[in-house]
């Protein structure tokens, strides 16, 4: 289950999301690989869920491995997700 305020990192392939999961788990970060919610359009159908308080660490860990997600979303309500970062704006920091 995804709680309001939690973040979802979406990748463009199952291989990339599973590699990201492995990297983040090696860093002992509290993340979970989950099926992507229907409200999100994803190429691979998977996402990595994590709390906003570790957002910077997740982003830095993935950046150091050159494995950034396609997009990052924040759950706002039961059916609404707000896109807070996209790889199209690579220079913008994650909120």
PDB file of N, CA and C in Angstrom:
ATOM      1  N   UNK A   1       0.837  -1.181   0.000  1.00  0.00           N
ATOM      2  CA  UNK A   1       0.000   0.000   0.000  1.00  0.00           C
ATOM      3  C   UNK A   1       0.886   1.249   0.000  1.00  0.00           C
ATOM      4  N   UNK A   2       0.423   2.250  -0.673  1.00  0.00           N
ATOM      5  CA  UNK A   2       1.146   3.517  -0.774  1.00  0.00           C
ATOM      6  C   UNK A   2       0.411   4.549   0.073  1.00  0.00           C
ATOM      7  N   UNK A   3       1.139   5.164   0.991  1.00  0.00           N
ATOM      8  CA  UNK A   3       0.560   6.182   1.864  1.00  0.00           C
ATOM      9  C   UNK A   3       0.697   7.554   1.211  1.00  0.00           C
ATOM     10  N   UNK A   4      -0.235   8.454   1.525  1.00  0.00           N
ATOM     11  CA  UNK A   4      -0.120   9.827   1.052  1.00  0.00           C
ATOM     12  C   UNK A   4       1.225  10.407   1.492  1.00  0.00           C
ATOM     13  N   UNK A   5       1.894  11.094   0.576  1.00  0.00           N
ATOM     14  CA  UNK A   5       3.185  11.690   0.870  1.00  0.00           C
ATOM     15  C   UNK A   5       4.363  10.819   0.477  1.00  0.00           C
ATOM     16  N   UNK A   6       4.142   9.517   0.284  1.00  0.00           N
ATOM     17  CA  UNK A   6       5.241   8.654  -0.149  1.00  0.00           C
ATOM     18  C   UNK A   6       5.581   8.925  -1.611  1.00  0.00           C
ATOM     19  N   UNK A   7       6.815   8.583  -1.965  1.00  0.00           N
ATOM     20  CA  UNK A   7       7.307   8.832  -3.317  1.00  0.00           C
ATOM     21  C   UNK A   7       7.437   7.541  -4.095  1.00  0.00           C
ATOM     22  N   UNK A   8       7.279   7.662  -5.408  1.00  0.00           N
ATOM     23  CA  UNK A   8       7.434   6.531  -6.316  1.00  0.00           C
ATOM     24  C   UNK A   8       8.407   6.912  -7.414  1.00  0.00           C
ATOM     25  N   UNK A   9       9.460   6.122  -7.556  1.00  0.00           N
ATOM     26  CA  UNK A   9      10.412   6.302  -8.649  1.00  0.00           C
ATOM     27  C   UNK A   9      10.024   5.330  -9.761  1.00  0.00           C
ATOM     28  N   UNK A  10       9.820   5.874 -10.951  1.00  0.00           N
ATOM     29  CA  UNK A  10       9.386   5.090 -12.106  1.00  0.00           C
ATOM     30  C   UNK A  10      10.523   5.043 -13.120  1.00  0.00           C
ATOM     31  N   UNK A  11      10.777   3.857 -13.645  1.00  0.00           N
ATOM     32  CA  UNK A  11      11.857   3.647 -14.604  1.00  0.00           C
ATOM     33  C   UNK A  11      11.276   3.194 -15.941  1.00  0.00           C
ATOM     34  N   UNK A  12      12.124   3.223 -16.984  1.00  0.00           N
ATOM     35  CA  UNK A  12      11.624   2.880 -18.318  1.00  0.00           C
ATOM     36  C   UNK A  12      11.793   1.412 -18.689  1.00  0.00           C
ATOM     37  N   UNK A  13      12.326   0.591 -17.773  1.00  0.00           N
ATOM     38  CA  UNK A  13      12.425  -0.842 -18.052  1.00  0.00           C
ATOM     39  C   UNK A  13      12.468  -1.625 -16.751  1.00  0.00           C
ATOM     40  N   UNK A  14      12.037  -2.867 -16.808  1.00  0.00           N
ATOM     41  CA  UNK A  14      12.063  -3.725 -15.629  1.00  0.00           C
ATOM     42  C   UNK A  14      13.504  -3.958 -15.176  1.00  0.00           C
ATOM     43  N   UNK A  15      14.413  -4.078 -16.114  1.00  0.00           N
ATOM     44  CA  UNK A  15      15.816  -4.289 -15.776  1.00  0.00           C
ATOM     45  C   UNK A  15      16.360  -3.125 -14.944  1.00  0.00           C
ATOM     46  N   UNK A  16      16.080  -1.901 -15.358  1.00  0.00           N
ATOM     47  CA  UNK A  16      16.586  -0.722 -14.651  1.00  0.00           C
ATOM     48  C   UNK A  16      15.971  -0.591 -13.256  1.00  0.00           C
ATOM     49  N   UNK A  17      14.685  -0.856 -13.124  1.00  0.00           N
ATOM     50  CA  UNK A  17      14.050  -0.718 -11.813  1.00  0.00           C
ATOM     51  C   UNK A  17      14.569  -1.793 -10.857  1.00  0.00           C
ATOM     52  N   UNK A  18      14.819  -2.998 -11.351  1.00  0.00           N
ATOM     53  CA  UNK A  18      15.347  -4.051 -10.475  1.00  0.00           C
ATOM     54  C   UNK A  18      16.803  -3.783 -10.103  1.00  0.00           C
ATOM     55  N   UNK A  19      17.561  -3.201 -11.023  1.00  0.00           N
ATOM     56  CA  UNK A  19      18.940  -2.821 -10.695  1.00  0.00           C
ATOM     57  C   UNK A  19      18.931  -1.707  -9.645  1.00  0.00           C
ATOM     58  N   UNK A  20      18.032  -0.737  -9.801  1.00  0.00           N
ATOM     59  CA  UNK A  20      17.911   0.350  -8.827  1.00  0.00           C
ATOM     60  C   UNK A  20      17.515  -0.207  -7.455  1.00  0.00           C
ATOM     61  N   UNK A  21      16.599  -1.148  -7.438  1.00  0.00           N
ATOM     62  CA  UNK A  21      16.207  -1.774  -6.176  1.00  0.00           C
ATOM     63  C   UNK A  21      17.424  -2.406  -5.498  1.00  0.00           C
ATOM     64  N   UNK A  22      18.214  -3.115  -6.250  1.00  0.00           N
ATOM     65  CA  UNK A  22      19.405  -3.764  -5.700  1.00  0.00           C
ATOM     66  C   UNK A  22      20.383  -2.744  -5.117  1.00  0.00           C
ATOM     67  N   UNK A  23      20.628  -1.668  -5.840  1.00  0.00           N
ATOM     68  CA  UNK A  23      21.539  -0.611  -5.380  1.00  0.00           C
ATOM     69  C   UNK A  23      21.035   0.006  -4.077  1.00  0.00           C
ATOM     70  N   UNK A  24      19.750   0.326  -4.037  1.00  0.00           N
ATOM     71  CA  UNK A  24      19.187   0.991  -2.861  1.00  0.00           C
ATOM     72  C   UNK A  24      19.137   0.065  -1.650  1.00  0.00           C
ATOM     73  N   UNK A  25      18.885  -1.211  -1.880  1.00  0.00           N
ATOM     74  CA  UNK A  25      18.885  -2.167  -0.765  1.00  0.00           C
ATOM     75  C   UNK A  25      20.295  -2.371  -0.229  1.00  0.00           C
ATOM     76  N   UNK A  26      21.305  -2.346  -1.099  1.00  0.00           N
ATOM     77  CA  UNK A  26      22.690  -2.445  -0.639  1.00  0.00           C
ATOM     78  C   UNK A  26      23.054  -1.251   0.242  1.00  0.00           C
ATOM     79  N   UNK A  27      22.407  -0.118  -0.008  1.00  0.00           N
ATOM     80  CA  UNK A  27      22.615   1.085   0.815  1.00  0.00           C
ATOM     81  C   UNK A  27      21.763   1.036   2.088  1.00  0.00           C
ATOM     82  N   UNK A  28      21.034  -0.049   2.266  1.00  0.00           N
ATOM     83  CA  UNK A  28      20.167  -0.262   3.434  1.00  0.00           C
ATOM     84  C   UNK A  28      19.080   0.803   3.567  1.00  0.00           C
ATOM     85  N   UNK A  29      18.544   1.216   2.427  1.00  0.00           N
ATOM     86  CA  UNK A  29      17.461   2.197   2.429  1.00  0.00           C
ATOM     87  C   UNK A  29      16.116   1.471   2.475  1.00  0.00           C
ATOM     88  N   UNK A  30      15.172   2.074   3.162  1.00  0.00           N
ATOM     89  CA  UNK A  30      13.838   1.492   3.314  1.00  0.00           C
ATOM     90  C   UNK A  30      13.016   1.770   2.053  1.00  0.00           C
ATOM     91  N   UNK A  31      13.192   0.901   1.066  1.00  0.00           N
ATOM     92  CA  UNK A  31      12.462   1.036  -0.201  1.00  0.00           C
ATOM     93  C   UNK A  31      11.713  -0.271  -0.460  1.00  0.00           C
ATOM     94  N   UNK A  32      10.770  -0.228  -1.389  1.00  0.00           N
ATOM     95  CA  UNK A  32      10.036  -1.434  -1.748  1.00  0.00           C
ATOM     96  C   UNK A  32       9.700  -1.384  -3.236  1.00  0.00           C
ATOM     97  N   UNK A  33       9.991  -2.461  -3.939  1.00  0.00           N
ATOM     98  CA  UNK A  33       9.612  -2.597  -5.346  1.00  0.00           C
ATOM     99  C   UNK A  33       8.153  -3.026  -5.377  1.00  0.00           C
ATOM    100  N   UNK A  34       7.320  -2.248  -6.082  1.00  0.00           N
ATOM    101  CA  UNK A  34       5.880  -2.507  -6.105  1.00  0.00           C
ATOM    102  C   UNK A  34       5.355  -2.413  -7.536  1.00  0.00           C
ATOM    103  N   UNK A  35       4.176  -2.990  -7.787  1.00  0.00           N
ATOM    104  CA  UNK A  35       3.523  -2.736  -9.074  1.00  0.00           C
ATOM    105  C   UNK A  35       3.152  -1.252  -9.148  1.00  0.00           C
ATOM    106  N   UNK A  36       3.400  -0.639 -10.273  1.00  0.00           N
ATOM    107  CA  UNK A  36       3.056   0.779 -10.430  1.00  0.00           C
ATOM    108  C   UNK A  36       1.542   0.952 -10.407  1.00  0.00           C
ATOM    109  N   UNK A  37       1.057   1.975  -9.716  1.00  0.00           N
ATOM    110  CA  UNK A  37      -0.382   2.237  -9.695  1.00  0.00           C
ATOM    111  C   UNK A  37      -0.914   2.510 -11.105  1.00  0.00           C
ATOM    112  N   UNK A  38      -2.135   2.171 -11.328  1.00  0.00           N
ATOM    113  CA  UNK A  38      -2.750   2.384 -12.652  1.00  0.00           C
ATOM    114  C   UNK A  38      -2.775   3.851 -13.046  1.00  0.00           C
ATOM    115  N   UNK A  39      -2.814   4.727 -12.061  1.00  0.00           N
ATOM    116  CA  UNK A  39      -2.862   6.170 -12.333  1.00  0.00           C
ATOM    117  C   UNK A  39      -1.578   6.674 -12.990  1.00  0.00           C
ATOM    118  N   UNK A  40      -0.497   5.890 -12.896  1.00  0.00           N
ATOM    119  CA  UNK A  40       0.776   6.296 -13.480  1.00  0.00           C
ATOM    120  C   UNK A  40       1.010   5.527 -14.775  1.00  0.00           C
ATOM    121  N   UNK A  41       1.528   6.222 -15.742  1.00  0.00           N
ATOM    122  CA  UNK A  41       1.873   5.576 -16.998  1.00  0.00           C
ATOM    123  C   UNK A  41       3.329   5.138 -16.920  1.00  0.00           C
ATOM    124  N   UNK A  42       3.557   3.823 -16.908  1.00  0.00           N
ATOM    125  CA  UNK A  42       4.917   3.317 -16.832  1.00  0.00           C
ATOM    126  C   UNK A  42       5.165   2.317 -17.941  1.00  0.00           C
ATOM    127  N   UNK A  43       6.396   2.255 -18.388  1.00  0.00           N
ATOM    128  CA  UNK A  43       6.756   1.310 -19.435  1.00  0.00           C
ATOM    129  C   UNK A  43       6.921  -0.106 -18.890  1.00  0.00           C
ATOM    130  N   UNK A  44       7.359  -0.228 -17.644  1.00  0.00           N
ATOM    131  CA  UNK A  44       7.667  -1.562 -17.120  1.00  0.00           C
ATOM    132  C   UNK A  44       6.645  -2.081 -16.113  1.00  0.00           C
ATOM    133  N   UNK A  45       5.763  -1.217 -15.626  1.00  0.00           N
ATOM    134  CA  UNK A  45       4.737  -1.661 -14.694  1.00  0.00           C
ATOM    135  C   UNK A  45       5.193  -1.790 -13.254  1.00  0.00           C
ATOM    136  N   UNK A  46       6.423  -1.340 -12.958  1.00  0.00           N
ATOM    137  CA  UNK A  46       6.959  -1.417 -11.597  1.00  0.00           C
ATOM    138  C   UNK A  46       7.426  -0.040 -11.142  1.00  0.00           C
ATOM    139  N   UNK A  47       7.509   0.144  -9.834  1.00  0.00           N
ATOM    140  CA  UNK A  47       8.007   1.396  -9.267  1.00  0.00           C
ATOM    141  C   UNK A  47       8.686   1.090  -7.938  1.00  0.00           C
ATOM    142  N   UNK A  48       9.520   2.001  -7.505  1.00  0.00           N
ATOM    143  CA  UNK A  48      10.144   1.886  -6.190  1.00  0.00           C
ATOM    144  C   UNK A  48       9.488   2.898  -5.267  1.00  0.00           C
ATOM    145  N   UNK A  49       8.942   2.386  -4.162  1.00  0.00           N
ATOM    146  CA  UNK A  49       8.261   3.227  -3.173  1.00  0.00           C
ATOM    147  C   UNK A  49       9.216   3.532  -2.019  1.00  0.00           C
ATOM    148  N   UNK A  50       9.182   4.794  -1.555  1.00  0.00           N
ATOM    149  CA  UNK A  50       9.998   5.190  -0.404  1.00  0.00           C
ATOM    150  C   UNK A  50       9.417   6.438   0.236  1.00  0.00           C
ATOM    151  N   UNK A  51       9.843   6.694   1.458  1.00  0.00           N
ATOM    152  CA  UNK A  51       9.365   7.864   2.191  1.00  0.00           C
ATOM    153  C   UNK A  51      10.152   9.101   1.792  1.00  0.00           C
ATOM    154  N   UNK A  52       9.518  10.242   1.884  1.00  0.00           N
ATOM    155  CA  UNK A  52      10.140  11.502   1.457  1.00  0.00           C
ATOM    156  C   UNK A  52      11.362  11.869   2.283  1.00  0.00           C
ATOM    157  N   UNK A  53      11.459  11.378   3.512  1.00  0.00           N
ATOM    158  CA  UNK A  53      12.602  11.744   4.353  1.00  0.00           C
ATOM    159  C   UNK A  53      13.924  11.135   3.875  1.00  0.00           C
ATOM    160  N   UNK A  54      13.873  10.138   2.988  1.00  0.00           N
ATOM    161  CA  UNK A  54      15.111   9.578   2.428  1.00  0.00           C
ATOM    162  C   UNK A  54      15.270   9.930   0.952  1.00  0.00           C
ATOM    163  N   UNK A  55      14.469  10.866   0.485  1.00  0.00           N
ATOM    164  CA  UNK A  55      14.472  11.245  -0.929  1.00  0.00           C
ATOM    165  C   UNK A  55      15.854  11.655  -1.431  1.00  0.00           C
ATOM    166  N   UNK A  56      16.537  12.506  -0.687  1.00  0.00           N
ATOM    167  CA  UNK A  56      17.862  12.966  -1.120  1.00  0.00           C
ATOM    168  C   UNK A  56      18.849  11.809  -1.219  1.00  0.00           C
ATOM    169  N   UNK A  57      18.817  10.914  -0.247  1.00  0.00           N
ATOM    170  CA  UNK A  57      19.733   9.778  -0.245  1.00  0.00           C
ATOM    171  C   UNK A  57      19.446   8.837  -1.408  1.00  0.00           C
ATOM    172  N   UNK A  58      18.168   8.576  -1.674  1.00  0.00           N
ATOM    173  CA  UNK A  58      17.785   7.734  -2.815  1.00  0.00           C
ATOM    174  C   UNK A  58      18.296   8.361  -4.107  1.00  0.00           C
ATOM    175  N   UNK A  59      18.038   9.646  -4.272  1.00  0.00           N
ATOM    176  CA  UNK A  59      18.426  10.335  -5.501  1.00  0.00           C
ATOM    177  C   UNK A  59      19.952  10.335  -5.668  1.00  0.00           C
ATOM    178  N   UNK A  60      20.681  10.608  -4.596  1.00  0.00           N
ATOM    179  CA  UNK A  60      22.147  10.621  -4.658  1.00  0.00           C
ATOM    180  C   UNK A  60      22.706   9.236  -4.968  1.00  0.00           C
ATOM    181  N   UNK A  61      22.128   8.203  -4.364  1.00  0.00           N
ATOM    182  CA  UNK A  61      22.587   6.833  -4.614  1.00  0.00           C
ATOM    183  C   UNK A  61      22.383   6.441  -6.070  1.00  0.00           C
ATOM    184  N   UNK A  62      21.243   6.791  -6.626  1.00  0.00           N
ATOM    185  CA  UNK A  62      20.970   6.459  -8.027  1.00  0.00           C
ATOM    186  C   UNK A  62      21.798   7.317  -8.979  1.00  0.00           C
ATOM    187  N   UNK A  63      22.022   8.569  -8.618  1.00  0.00           N
ATOM    188  CA  UNK A  63      22.846   9.455  -9.439  1.00  0.00           C
ATOM    189  C   UNK A  63      24.276   8.932  -9.517  1.00  0.00           C
ATOM    190  N   UNK A  64      24.814   8.482  -8.396  1.00  0.00           N
ATOM    191  CA  UNK A  64      26.196   7.994  -8.383  1.00  0.00           C
ATOM    192  C   UNK A  64      26.366   6.747  -9.243  1.00  0.00           C
ATOM    193  N   UNK A  65      25.277   6.004  -9.445  1.00  0.00           N
ATOM    194  CA  UNK A  65      25.316   4.805 -10.287  1.00  0.00           C
ATOM    195  C   UNK A  65      24.831   5.080 -11.712  1.00  0.00           C
ATOM    196  N   UNK A  66      24.550   6.358 -11.997  1.00  0.00           N
ATOM    197  CA  UNK A  66      24.027   6.762 -13.315  1.00  0.00           C
ATOM    198  C   UNK A  66      22.772   5.955 -13.688  1.00  0.00           C
ATOM    199  N   UNK A  67      21.870   5.865 -12.721  1.00  0.00           N
ATOM    200  CA  UNK A  67      20.649   5.084 -12.894  1.00  0.00           C
ATOM    201  C   UNK A  67      19.433   5.871 -12.411  1.00  0.00           C
ATOM    202  N   UNK A  68      19.255   7.057 -12.960  1.00  0.00           N
ATOM    203  CA  UNK A  68      18.131   7.895 -12.545  1.00  0.00           C
ATOM    204  C   UNK A  68      16.813   7.352 -13.093  1.00  0.00           C
ATOM    205  N   UNK A  69      15.745   7.546 -12.332  1.00  0.00           N
ATOM    206  CA  UNK A  69      14.427   7.136 -12.822  1.00  0.00           C
ATOM    207  C   UNK A  69      13.953   8.043 -13.953  1.00  0.00           C
ATOM    208  N   UNK A  70      12.916   7.616 -14.623  1.00  0.00           N
ATOM    209  CA  UNK A  70      12.285   8.444 -15.650  1.00  0.00           C
ATOM    210  C   UNK A  70      11.518   9.586 -14.994  1.00  0.00           C
ATOM    211  N   UNK A  71      10.807   9.246 -13.911  1.00  0.00           N
ATOM    212  CA  UNK A  71      10.005  10.229 -13.175  1.00  0.00           C
ATOM    213  C   UNK A  71       9.919   9.849 -11.711  1.00  0.00           C
ATOM    214  N   UNK A  72       9.641  10.851 -10.889  1.00  0.00           N
ATOM    215  CA  UNK A  72       9.354  10.624  -9.479  1.00  0.00           C
ATOM    216  C   UNK A  72       8.019  11.299  -9.176  1.00  0.00           C
ATOM    217  N   UNK A  73       7.149  10.540  -8.500  1.00  0.00           N
ATOM    218  CA  UNK A  73       5.816  11.020  -8.160  1.00  0.00           C
ATOM    219  C   UNK A  73       5.622  10.993  -6.649  1.00  0.00           C
ATOM    220  N   UNK A  74       4.781  11.898  -6.159  1.00  0.00           N
ATOM    221  CA  UNK A  74       4.358  11.906  -4.760  1.00  0.00           C
ATOM    222  C   UNK A  74       2.868  11.587  -4.731  1.00  0.00           C
ATOM    223  N   UNK A  75       2.479  10.668  -3.853  1.00  0.00           N
ATOM    224  CA  UNK A  75       1.061  10.349  -3.719  1.00  0.00           C
ATOM    225  C   UNK A  75       0.377  11.466  -2.944  1.00  0.00           C
ATOM    226  N   UNK A  76      -0.649  12.029  -3.536  1.00  0.00           N
ATOM    227  CA  UNK A  76      -1.376  13.145  -2.936  1.00  0.00           C
ATOM    228  C   UNK A  76      -2.687  12.672  -2.318  1.00  0.00           C
ATOM    229  N   UNK A  77      -3.370  11.754  -3.002  1.00  0.00           N
ATOM    230  CA  UNK A  77      -4.633  11.208  -2.507  1.00  0.00           C
ATOM    231  C   UNK A  77      -4.789   9.797  -3.069  1.00  0.00           C
ATOM    232  N   UNK A  78      -5.902   9.174  -2.781  1.00  0.00           N
ATOM    233  CA  UNK A  78      -6.111   7.793  -3.218  1.00  0.00           C
ATOM    234  C   UNK A  78      -5.971   7.600  -4.727  1.00  0.00           C
ATOM    235  N   UNK A  79      -6.296   8.618  -5.496  1.00  0.00           N
ATOM    236  CA  UNK A  79      -6.234   8.459  -6.957  1.00  0.00           C
ATOM    237  C   UNK A  79      -5.338   9.480  -7.648  1.00  0.00           C
ATOM    238  N   UNK A  80      -4.679  10.343  -6.877  1.00  0.00           N
ATOM    239  CA  UNK A  80      -3.891  11.407  -7.503  1.00  0.00           C
ATOM    240  C   UNK A  80      -2.422  11.322  -7.096  1.00  0.00           C
ATOM    241  N   UNK A  81      -1.565  11.392  -8.117  1.00  0.00           N
ATOM    242  CA  UNK A  81      -0.118  11.410  -7.929  1.00  0.00           C
ATOM    243  C   UNK A  81       0.427  12.661  -8.606  1.00  0.00           C
ATOM    244  N   UNK A  82       1.281  13.369  -7.908  1.00  0.00           N
ATOM    245  CA  UNK A  82       1.880  14.593  -8.433  1.00  0.00           C
ATOM    246  C   UNK A  82       3.301  14.282  -8.895  1.00  0.00           C
ATOM    247  N   UNK A  83       3.585  14.601 -10.150  1.00  0.00           N
ATOM    248  CA  UNK A  83       4.943  14.403 -10.650  1.00  0.00           C
ATOM    249  C   UNK A  83       5.819  15.509 -10.077  1.00  0.00           C
ATOM    250  N   UNK A  84       6.870  15.123  -9.337  1.00  0.00           N
ATOM    251  CA  UNK A  84       7.728  16.132  -8.710  1.00  0.00           C
ATOM    252  C   UNK A  84       9.089  16.229  -9.373  1.00  0.00           C
ATOM    253  N   UNK A  85       9.421  15.256 -10.230  1.00  0.00           N
ATOM    254  CA  UNK A  85      10.698  15.294 -10.937  1.00  0.00           C
ATOM    255  C   UNK A  85      10.589  14.429 -12.183  1.00  0.00           C
ATOM    256  N   UNK A  86      11.276  14.868 -13.238  1.00  0.00           N
ATOM    257  CA  UNK A  86      11.340  14.069 -14.447  1.00  0.00           C
ATOM    258  C   UNK A  86      12.752  14.164 -15.020  1.00  0.00           C
ATOM    259  N   UNK A  87      13.193  13.127 -15.661  1.00  0.00           N
ATOM    260  CA  UNK A  87      14.542  13.124 -16.235  1.00  0.00           C
ATOM    261  C   UNK A  87      14.678  14.142 -17.371  1.00  0.00           C
ATOM    262  N   UNK A  88      13.566  14.640 -17.877  1.00  0.00           N
ATOM    263  CA  UNK A  88      13.592  15.689 -18.893  1.00  0.00           C
ATOM    264  C   UNK A  88      14.171  16.981 -18.315  1.00  0.00           C
ATOM    265  N   UNK A  89      14.011  17.162 -16.992  1.00  0.00           N
ATOM    266  CA  UNK A  89      14.550  18.337 -16.298  1.00  0.00           C
ATOM    267  C   UNK A  89      15.726  17.913 -15.431  1.00  0.00           C
ATOM    268  N   UNK A  90      16.696  17.314 -16.037  1.00  0.00           N
ATOM    269  CA  UNK A  90      17.789  16.652 -15.335  1.00  0.00           C
ATOM    270  C   UNK A  90      18.529  17.582 -14.371  1.00  0.00           C
ATOM    271  N   UNK A  91      18.517  18.870 -14.605  1.00  0.00           N
ATOM    272  CA  UNK A  91      19.237  19.797 -13.736  1.00  0.00           C
ATOM    273  C   UNK A  91      18.435  20.198 -12.490  1.00  0.00           C
ATOM    274  N   UNK A  92      17.124  19.928 -12.491  1.00  0.00           N
ATOM    275  CA  UNK A  92      16.297  20.312 -11.356  1.00  0.00           C
ATOM    276  C   UNK A  92      16.469  19.323 -10.215  1.00  0.00           C
ATOM    277  N   UNK A  93      16.678  19.790  -8.986  1.00  0.00           N
ATOM    278  CA  UNK A  93      16.777  18.868  -7.846  1.00  0.00           C
ATOM    279  C   UNK A  93      15.407  18.316  -7.476  1.00  0.00           C
ATOM    280  N   UNK A  94      15.400  17.191  -6.814  1.00  0.00           N
ATOM    281  CA  UNK A  94      14.159  16.606  -6.303  1.00  0.00           C
ATOM    282  C   UNK A  94      13.707  17.430  -5.126  1.00  0.00           C
ATOM    283  N   UNK A  95      12.419  17.669  -5.017  1.00  0.00           N
ATOM    284  CA  UNK A  95      11.869  18.435  -3.892  1.00  0.00           C
ATOM    285  C   UNK A  95      12.013  17.673  -2.605  1.00  0.00           C
TER     286      UNK A  95
END
